[in-house]
Amino acid sequence: MKKFPSLLAALLLLPAIFLRAEINVVATTADLGSLAQTVGGAHVTVTTLARPTEDPHFVDARPSFIRILHQADLLVEGGAELEQGWLPALVNNARNAKILPGAPGNFRAAAGLQLLEIPAVLDRSQGDVHAFGNPHFLLDPRNASRVAQNLAESLARLDPPHAADYRENAEEFRKMIAEEFPRWQARLAPFKGAPVVTYHKSYDYLLAAFGLELAGTIEPKPGIEPSSAHLETLASDMQARGVKVILAEPNRPDRLCHFLARASGATLLRLPLVPDKSAGCADYRSLVETHVTTLEKTLRSRGK
């Protein structure tokens, strides 16, 4: 009989516990995870699979990912073949019908966006090309804003009681981008048309959003490592065109990047692709601020 009051108290608390239940979100990359946290707010817990410094094309698919995906209510993935080499097998092995392609718990960020570089003909001899276009679309803040709006609707369908909160959070994010984007553009406007070389075609959306020009890539074709002859030819072309900046992801090999920088006289910048606390950008806004500030400072110091 002494146990009855405590049992009754526990039963009375059950509705409150259920009301506090959070949506378990699993994001493939840190940029998607940041957007999920921004939109979901207090109603979600977010787990990100790929480390910020990993190449998102080739993530180390650890066995623990299967358990994490099995427990997910919502999987947030790029949806433009970025994770094609490692995610599908994990999802299949997770045995979670909620997150299978086409299910309500599967969110594909690329849906509804106009992607760059959609190949007219899928020819693998041209390297690691993606059938649906360049998958690094979140480096254009306008795309991030659209993804946040779509993600709010997906969360609203999964969790109707908090639908208004998700939509409000996404709207606040949209307003932030709408206010900041013209300021970011204005800061890089003096350098419009400046030629930039990148390692992989990861920064195409960033360059297009801010009026810079892609002048070449260290990879002769996407996913193909360069030869010495290619690097020497590229360095010569860079000098002829006055290329002052090379952009490379943090995980790219130092040897090749520094060789090209020395041979061309350009400045090598390691720009993070996704939010990364260790790089000083813990969320999406600070990621773009890092990109703009670094490019602005370097292009000004190099005289465009």
Protein backbone atom coordinates (compact mmCIF):
# COMPACT_ATOMS: atom_id res chain seq x y z
CA MET A 1 0.00 0.00 0.00
CA LYS A 2 2.86 2.37 0.65
CA LYS A 3 3.86 2.11 -3.01
CA PHE A 4 0.48 3.31 -4.26
CA PRO A 5 1.04 7.09 -3.85
CA SER A 6 4.35 6.96 -5.68
CA LEU A 7 2.84 4.86 -8.46
CA LEU A 8 -0.09 7.25 -8.76
CA ALA A 9 2.30 10.21 -8.93
CA ALA A 10 4.26 8.51 -11.68
CA LEU A 11 1.10 7.87 -13.68
CA LEU A 12 0.02 11.46 -13.29
CA LEU A 13 3.37 12.59 -14.66
CA LEU A 14 3.13 10.49 -17.82
CA PRO A 15 1.27 13.08 -19.93
CA ALA A 16 3.89 15.70 -19.12
CA ILE A 17 6.65 13.30 -20.09
CA PHE A 18 4.98 12.58 -23.42
CA LEU A 19 4.46 16.29 -24.05
CA ARG A 20 8.19 16.84 -23.58
CA ALA A 21 9.12 14.04 -25.98
CA GLU A 22 11.59 15.28 -28.59
CA ILE A 23 11.86 14.40 -32.26
CA ASN A 24 15.03 12.38 -32.80
CA VAL A 25 16.71 13.91 -35.86
CA VAL A 26 19.74 12.41 -37.57
CA ALA A 27 21.55 14.65 -40.08
CA THR A 28 24.21 13.38 -42.45
CA THR A 29 26.39 16.51 -42.32
CA ALA A 30 27.01 19.37 -39.90
CA ASP A 31 25.39 22.03 -42.10
CA LEU A 32 22.17 20.03 -42.27
CA GLY A 33 22.44 19.36 -38.54
CA SER A 34 22.78 23.07 -37.84
CA LEU A 35 19.67 23.86 -39.89
CA ALA A 36 17.74 21.05 -38.18
CA GLN A 37 18.64 22.43 -34.75
CA THR A 38 17.77 25.99 -35.80
CA VAL A 39 14.35 24.97 -37.10
CA GLY A 40 13.59 22.29 -34.53
CA GLY A 41 14.71 24.28 -31.50
CA ALA A 42 13.79 22.77 -28.14
CA HIS A 43 11.58 20.12 -29.73
CA VAL A 44 14.37 18.11 -31.37
CA THR A 45 17.58 16.32 -30.53
CA VAL A 46 20.03 16.33 -33.43
CA THR A 47 22.78 13.81 -34.11
CA THR A 48 25.18 14.43 -37.00
CA LEU A 49 26.89 11.46 -38.66
CA ALA A 50 29.80 13.00 -40.60
CA ARG A 51 32.47 14.88 -38.69
CA PRO A 52 32.96 18.47 -39.90
CA THR A 53 36.45 17.67 -41.20
CA GLU A 54 35.40 14.56 -43.15
CA ASP A 55 34.88 14.51 -46.89
CA PRO A 56 31.08 14.07 -47.07
CA HIS A 57 31.48 11.89 -50.15
CA PHE A 58 33.54 9.32 -48.25
CA VAL A 59 32.42 9.20 -44.63
CA ASP A 60 33.76 6.48 -42.35
CA ALA A 61 30.51 4.54 -41.87
CA ARG A 62 30.87 3.26 -38.31
CA PRO A 63 28.65 0.41 -36.99
CA SER A 64 27.20 2.78 -34.37
CA PHE A 65 25.52 4.69 -37.20
CA ILE A 66 23.14 1.78 -37.73
CA ARG A 67 21.88 2.00 -34.15
CA ILE A 68 21.57 5.78 -34.41
CA LEU A 69 19.54 5.52 -37.61
CA HIS A 70 17.37 2.77 -36.15
CA GLN A 71 16.26 5.19 -33.42
CA ALA A 72 15.69 8.17 -35.73
CA ASP A 73 12.32 9.83 -36.27
CA LEU A 74 13.68 11.99 -39.09
CA LEU A 75 16.69 11.54 -41.37
CA VAL A 76 17.93 14.79 -42.92
CA GLU A 77 20.15 14.10 -45.94
CA GLY A 78 21.38 16.14 -48.88
CA GLY A 79 19.49 14.14 -51.45
CA ALA A 80 21.73 14.92 -54.44
CA GLU A 81 24.01 11.86 -54.24
CA LEU A 82 26.47 13.52 -51.86
CA GLU A 83 26.12 10.60 -49.43
CA GLN A 84 25.52 7.97 -52.09
CA GLY A 85 28.70 6.05 -51.32
CA TRP A 86 27.93 5.34 -47.66
CA LEU A 87 24.39 6.23 -46.53
CA PRO A 88 22.02 3.84 -48.42
CA ALA A 89 23.55 0.69 -46.94
CA LEU A 90 23.34 2.13 -43.44
CA VAL A 91 19.68 3.07 -43.87
CA ASN A 92 18.82 -0.39 -45.18
CA ASN A 93 20.61 -2.10 -42.28
CA ALA A 94 18.97 0.21 -39.72
CA ARG A 95 15.58 -1.44 -40.37
CA ASN A 96 13.68 1.75 -39.67
CA ALA A 97 10.73 2.15 -42.03
CA LYS A 98 10.19 5.72 -40.83
CA ILE A 99 13.33 7.01 -42.58
CA LEU A 100 13.30 5.03 -45.82
CA PRO A 101 13.25 7.04 -49.08
CA GLY A 102 9.75 8.40 -49.62
CA ALA A 103 8.70 7.95 -45.99
CA PRO A 104 7.61 10.96 -43.89
CA GLY A 105 10.78 10.63 -41.82
CA ASN A 106 13.11 11.02 -44.80
CA PHE A 107 13.94 14.64 -45.66
CA ARG A 108 15.99 15.40 -48.77
CA ALA A 109 17.31 18.92 -48.68
CA ALA A 110 17.86 19.20 -52.45
CA ALA A 111 14.17 18.74 -53.23
CA GLY A 112 12.76 21.80 -54.97
CA LEU A 113 16.12 23.54 -55.45
CA GLN A 114 17.69 24.52 -58.77
CA LEU A 115 21.07 22.83 -58.66
CA LEU A 116 24.11 23.81 -60.68
CA GLU A 117 25.93 21.58 -63.16
CA ILE A 118 23.27 18.98 -63.90
CA PRO A 119 24.95 16.83 -66.57
CA ALA A 120 23.21 16.54 -69.93
CA VAL A 121 24.65 13.04 -70.21
CA LEU A 122 25.84 10.99 -67.25
CA ASP A 123 29.37 9.99 -68.24
CA ARG A 124 31.54 8.58 -65.48
CA SER A 125 34.62 9.13 -67.63
CA GLN A 126 34.21 12.77 -66.60
CA GLY A 127 34.93 11.86 -62.99
CA ASP A 128 32.67 11.73 -59.94
CA VAL A 129 29.81 13.69 -61.45
CA HIS A 130 26.39 13.73 -59.81
CA ALA A 131 23.30 12.97 -61.85
CA PHE A 132 21.17 15.55 -60.01
CA GLY A 133 23.76 18.34 -60.06
CA ASN A 134 26.38 19.79 -57.73
CA PRO A 135 25.41 18.67 -54.18
CA HIS A 136 27.18 21.47 -52.26
CA PHE A 137 24.18 23.79 -52.58
CA LEU A 138 24.08 24.93 -48.95
CA LEU A 139 27.06 27.23 -49.52
CA ASP A 140 24.57 29.62 -51.13
CA PRO A 141 22.69 31.19 -48.18
CA ARG A 142 19.55 31.56 -50.29
CA ASN A 143 19.40 27.80 -50.69
CA ALA A 144 19.87 27.32 -46.95
CA SER A 145 16.88 29.58 -46.36
CA ARG A 146 14.70 27.51 -48.68
CA VAL A 147 15.84 24.27 -47.08
CA ALA A 148 14.95 25.62 -43.63
CA GLN A 149 11.43 26.45 -44.81
CA ASN A 150 10.97 22.97 -46.27
CA LEU A 151 12.39 21.34 -43.17
CA ALA A 152 9.89 23.21 -41.00
CA GLU A 153 7.04 21.70 -43.00
CA SER A 154 8.52 18.22 -42.68
CA LEU A 155 8.84 18.58 -38.91
CA ALA A 156 5.33 20.02 -38.71
CA ARG A 157 3.92 16.92 -40.35
CA LEU A 158 5.78 14.67 -37.91
CA ASP A 159 4.93 16.77 -34.85
CA PRO A 160 1.70 18.76 -35.44
CA PRO A 161 1.44 20.15 -31.87
CA HIS A 162 4.66 22.13 -32.42
CA ALA A 163 4.11 23.03 -36.08
CA ALA A 164 3.80 26.75 -35.33
CA ASP A 165 7.15 26.72 -33.51
CA TYR A 166 8.94 25.07 -36.42
CA ARG A 167 7.50 27.54 -38.90
CA GLU A 168 8.35 30.48 -36.67
CA ASN A 169 11.95 29.30 -36.27
CA ALA A 170 12.30 28.85 -40.03
CA GLU A 171 10.85 32.30 -40.63
CA GLU A 172 13.34 33.85 -38.21
CA PHE A 173 16.14 32.12 -40.09
CA ARG A 174 14.74 33.36 -43.42
CA LYS A 175 14.63 36.92 -42.09
CA MET A 176 18.24 36.65 -40.88
CA ILE A 177 19.42 35.50 -44.30
CA ALA A 178 17.33 38.19 -46.05
CA GLU A 179 18.99 40.86 -43.90
CA GLU A 180 22.53 39.52 -43.96
CA PHE A 181 22.82 38.38 -47.58
CA PRO A 182 22.85 41.90 -49.13
CA ARG A 183 25.47 42.95 -46.57
CA TRP A 184 27.63 39.95 -47.38
CA GLN A 185 27.26 40.66 -51.09
CA ALA A 186 28.17 44.33 -50.60
CA ARG A 187 31.38 43.40 -48.81
CA LEU A 188 32.54 41.25 -51.74
CA ALA A 189 31.11 43.49 -54.47
CA PRO A 190 34.46 45.34 -55.00
CA PHE A 191 35.98 42.01 -56.05
CA LYS A 192 33.24 40.94 -58.46
CA GLY A 193 34.62 38.70 -61.20
CA ALA A 194 37.81 37.89 -59.31
CA PRO A 195 39.09 34.50 -60.53
CA VAL A 196 39.43 31.75 -57.92
CA VAL A 197 40.79 28.21 -58.18
CA THR A 198 39.32 25.47 -55.97
CA TYR A 199 40.45 21.97 -55.14
CA HIS A 200 37.13 20.19 -55.76
CA LYS A 201 33.94 21.70 -57.10
CA SER A 202 32.75 22.28 -53.54
CA TYR A 203 32.65 26.08 -53.57
CA ASP A 204 30.78 26.71 -56.83
CA TYR A 205 27.61 27.93 -55.07
CA LEU A 206 29.63 30.20 -52.78
CA LEU A 207 31.43 31.79 -55.74
CA ALA A 208 28.22 32.19 -57.74
CA ALA A 209 26.35 33.74 -54.80
CA PHE A 210 29.00 36.41 -54.29
CA GLY A 211 30.03 37.17 -57.86
CA LEU A 212 33.41 35.45 -57.97
CA GLU A 213 34.60 33.36 -60.92
CA LEU A 214 35.73 29.75 -60.90
CA ALA A 215 38.98 29.74 -62.86
CA GLY A 216 39.85 26.07 -62.52
CA THR A 217 40.17 23.15 -60.13
CA ILE A 218 43.14 21.27 -58.72
CA GLU A 219 41.31 18.06 -59.59
CA PRO A 220 41.37 17.71 -63.39
CA LYS A 221 37.98 16.00 -63.06
CA PRO A 222 35.80 15.66 -59.94
CA GLY A 223 37.27 13.02 -57.65
CA ILE A 224 40.41 12.52 -59.78
CA GLU A 225 43.75 13.39 -58.17
CA PRO A 226 45.94 15.73 -60.24
CA SER A 227 49.16 14.84 -62.01
CA SER A 228 52.28 16.99 -61.82
CA ALA A 229 51.69 18.03 -65.44
CA HIS A 230 48.16 19.20 -64.62
CA LEU A 231 49.36 21.25 -61.66
CA GLU A 232 52.14 22.87 -63.68
CA THR A 233 49.71 23.80 -66.47
CA LEU A 234 47.19 25.10 -63.94
CA ALA A 235 49.83 27.22 -62.18
CA SER A 236 50.83 28.76 -65.50
CA ASP A 237 47.20 29.53 -66.36
CA MET A 238 46.66 31.06 -62.92
CA GLN A 239 49.59 33.41 -63.36
CA ALA A 240 48.33 34.44 -66.79
CA ARG A 241 44.84 35.18 -65.44
CA GLY A 242 46.01 36.81 -62.23
CA VAL A 243 44.44 34.27 -59.89
CA LYS A 244 45.25 35.31 -56.33
CA VAL A 245 43.22 32.78 -54.28
CA ILE A 246 43.00 29.00 -53.99
CA LEU A 247 40.15 27.51 -51.95
CA ALA A 248 40.59 24.05 -50.49
CA GLU A 249 38.62 22.02 -48.00
CA PRO A 250 40.37 21.33 -44.67
CA ASN A 251 40.73 17.62 -45.48
CA ARG A 252 42.61 18.06 -48.77
CA PRO A 253 46.31 17.02 -48.91
CA ASP A 254 48.74 19.75 -47.91
CA ARG A 255 51.41 18.70 -50.38
CA LEU A 256 49.35 19.37 -53.51
CA CYS A 257 47.75 22.55 -52.21
CA HIS A 258 51.02 24.12 -51.08
CA PHE A 259 52.77 23.08 -54.30
CA LEU A 260 50.20 24.93 -56.39
CA ALA A 261 50.27 27.96 -54.10
CA ARG A 262 54.06 28.22 -54.43
CA ALA A 263 54.04 27.62 -58.17
CA SER A 264 51.27 30.14 -58.90
CA GLY A 265 51.94 32.75 -56.22
CA ALA A 266 48.31 32.52 -55.05
CA THR A 267 47.16 32.49 -51.42
CA LEU A 268 45.82 29.18 -50.14
CA LEU A 269 42.65 29.44 -48.02
CA ARG A 270 41.24 26.48 -46.12
CA LEU A 271 37.55 27.28 -45.87
CA PRO A 272 35.26 24.92 -43.90
CA LEU A 273 32.34 23.51 -45.86
CA VAL A 274 30.13 23.08 -42.81
CA PRO A 275 29.80 24.62 -39.34
CA ASP A 276 32.72 23.58 -37.17
CA LYS A 277 33.35 24.89 -33.65
CA SER A 278 37.08 24.19 -33.96
CA ALA A 279 37.16 26.51 -37.00
CA GLY A 280 35.34 29.28 -35.16
CA CYS A 281 31.97 28.83 -36.86
CA ALA A 282 29.52 26.88 -34.73
CA ASP A 283 26.36 27.58 -36.77
CA TYR A 284 25.30 28.38 -40.31
CA ARG A 285 25.42 32.17 -39.98
CA SER A 286 28.94 32.13 -38.58
CA LEU A 287 29.99 29.74 -41.37
CA VAL A 288 28.98 32.24 -44.07
CA GLU A 289 30.46 35.10 -42.04
CA THR A 290 33.76 33.20 -41.95
CA HIS A 291 33.68 32.70 -45.72
CA VAL A 292 32.92 36.34 -46.48
CA THR A 293 35.38 37.78 -43.97
CA THR A 294 38.23 35.52 -45.11
CA LEU A 295 37.65 36.19 -48.81
CA GLU A 296 37.21 39.93 -48.30
CA LYS A 297 40.42 40.25 -46.28
CA THR A 298 42.49 38.13 -48.66
CA LEU A 299 41.24 39.69 -51.90
CA ARG A 300 41.77 43.18 -50.51
CA SER A 301 45.30 42.39 -49.36
CA ARG A 302 46.11 40.82 -52.73
CA GLY A 303 44.58 43.67 -54.74
CA LYS A 304 41.83 41.40 -56.13
